Amino acid sequence: MTRPTKNSEGFIDLWPTTLLERRLPGHAAANQELLRLITEMERTSPDLTTQYLDGNFLVVDNPAVTWLRTCVNQTLVDYLRRAGLDYEVKWTLQAWPNIN
């Protein structure tokens, strides 16, 4: 059995499903800020991680959140291009903070 190969962009063709493994640039610093921000948010709202429909974390005005939203959007664009979509796709992103 041969192992699936990953190309230089992180795409892995596995059966008819394409997976994408990607290390986000600047993740170490961003993760620290996200942890700080979410911890502070949880201090003022103890139900923060269980009330996932009450808000959208990705609209929080914070450079690390903006970085995360940009990374997710770019990854979606890259994946859809790889899948052969050559037309505009409209999507919305919604997320909630959760520390495990």
Protein backbone atom coordinates (compact mmCIF):
# COMPACT_ATOMS: atom_id res chain seq x y z
CA MET A 1 0.00 0.00 0.00
CA THR A 2 1.38 3.40 -0.94
CA ARG A 3 1.01 6.41 1.29
CA PRO A 4 -0.77 9.47 -0.07
CA THR A 5 1.59 12.29 -0.90
CA LYS A 6 1.33 15.88 0.19
CA ASN A 7 2.28 18.59 -2.28
CA SER A 8 4.27 21.70 -1.38
CA GLU A 9 1.07 23.64 -0.59
CA GLY A 10 -0.11 21.05 1.93
CA PHE A 11 -2.81 19.39 -0.19
CA ILE A 12 -3.23 15.64 0.24
CA ASP A 13 -5.27 13.70 -2.32
CA LEU A 14 -6.82 10.84 -0.40
CA TRP A 15 -9.35 8.76 -2.35
CA PRO A 16 -11.85 11.22 -3.83
CA THR A 17 -11.42 13.53 -0.83
CA THR A 18 -8.76 16.22 -0.77
CA LEU A 19 -7.49 17.19 2.66
CA LEU A 20 -5.48 20.28 3.39
CA GLU A 21 -2.86 20.42 6.11
CA ARG A 22 -1.47 23.89 6.67
CA ARG A 23 0.72 25.52 9.29
CA LEU A 24 -0.47 29.10 9.64
CA PRO A 25 2.25 31.75 9.48
CA GLY A 26 2.65 33.62 12.76
CA HIS A 27 0.58 31.08 14.67
CA ALA A 28 2.73 31.08 17.82
CA ALA A 29 2.29 34.78 18.58
CA ALA A 30 -1.34 34.81 17.44
CA ASN A 31 -2.19 31.80 19.61
CA GLN A 32 -0.81 33.55 22.68
CA GLU A 33 -2.93 36.63 22.01
CA LEU A 34 -6.01 34.53 21.26
CA LEU A 35 -5.53 32.64 24.52
CA ARG A 36 -5.17 35.91 26.44
CA LEU A 37 -8.23 37.43 24.77
CA ILE A 38 -10.47 34.38 25.20
CA THR A 39 -9.40 33.91 28.82
CA GLU A 40 -10.32 37.53 29.51
CA MET A 41 -13.65 37.15 27.70
CA GLU A 42 -14.42 34.01 29.71
CA ARG A 43 -13.68 35.84 32.96
CA THR A 44 -16.50 38.29 32.23
CA SER A 45 -18.83 35.70 30.65
CA PRO A 46 -18.58 32.27 32.31
CA ASP A 47 -20.89 30.66 29.71
CA LEU A 48 -18.76 31.90 26.81
CA THR A 49 -17.71 28.50 25.51
CA THR A 50 -21.19 26.96 25.74
CA GLN A 51 -23.15 29.80 24.14
CA TYR A 52 -21.83 29.20 20.65
CA LEU A 53 -24.78 30.74 18.79
CA ASP A 54 -24.88 33.97 20.79
CA GLY A 55 -22.15 35.77 18.90
CA ASN A 56 -19.42 35.55 16.35
CA PHE A 57 -15.87 35.54 17.68
CA LEU A 58 -14.47 36.31 14.23
CA VAL A 59 -15.88 39.85 14.31
CA VAL A 60 -14.05 40.81 17.53
CA ASP A 61 -11.85 43.86 16.95
CA ASN A 62 -8.44 42.39 17.75
CA PRO A 63 -5.38 41.89 15.50
CA ALA A 64 -5.11 38.18 16.36
CA VAL A 65 -8.78 37.60 15.51
CA THR A 66 -8.32 39.50 12.25
CA TRP A 67 -5.27 37.32 11.50
CA LEU A 68 -7.29 34.16 12.19
CA ARG A 69 -10.22 35.29 10.02
CA THR A 70 -7.82 36.15 7.19
CA CYS A 71 -6.08 32.76 7.44
CA VAL A 72 -9.38 30.88 7.39
CA ASN A 73 -10.66 32.89 4.42
CA GLN A 74 -7.45 32.37 2.45
CA THR A 75 -7.46 28.66 3.18
CA LEU A 76 -11.05 28.39 1.94
CA VAL A 77 -10.17 30.26 -1.25
CA ASP A 78 -7.15 28.01 -1.84
CA TYR A 79 -9.18 24.85 -1.21
CA LEU A 80 -12.02 25.89 -3.51
CA ARG A 81 -9.57 26.79 -6.29
CA ARG A 82 -7.89 23.42 -5.88
CA ALA A 83 -11.33 21.77 -6.12
CA GLY A 84 -11.76 23.45 -9.51
CA LEU A 85 -14.31 26.12 -8.60
CA ASP A 86 -13.66 29.01 -10.93
CA TYR A 87 -16.64 31.12 -9.96
CA GLU A 88 -17.35 33.41 -7.02
CA VAL A 89 -18.52 31.67 -3.88
CA LYS A 90 -20.14 33.64 -1.09
CA TRP A 91 -19.79 32.34 2.43
CA THR A 92 -19.97 33.58 5.96
CA LEU A 93 -17.84 32.53 8.87
CA GLN A 94 -19.10 32.14 12.39
CA ALA A 95 -16.99 30.96 15.29
CA TRP A 96 -17.05 30.84 19.03
CA PRO A 97 -14.08 30.75 21.39
CA ASN A 98 -13.38 27.48 23.14
CA ILE A 99 -10.32 26.62 25.20
CA ASN A 100 -9.66 22.92 25.74
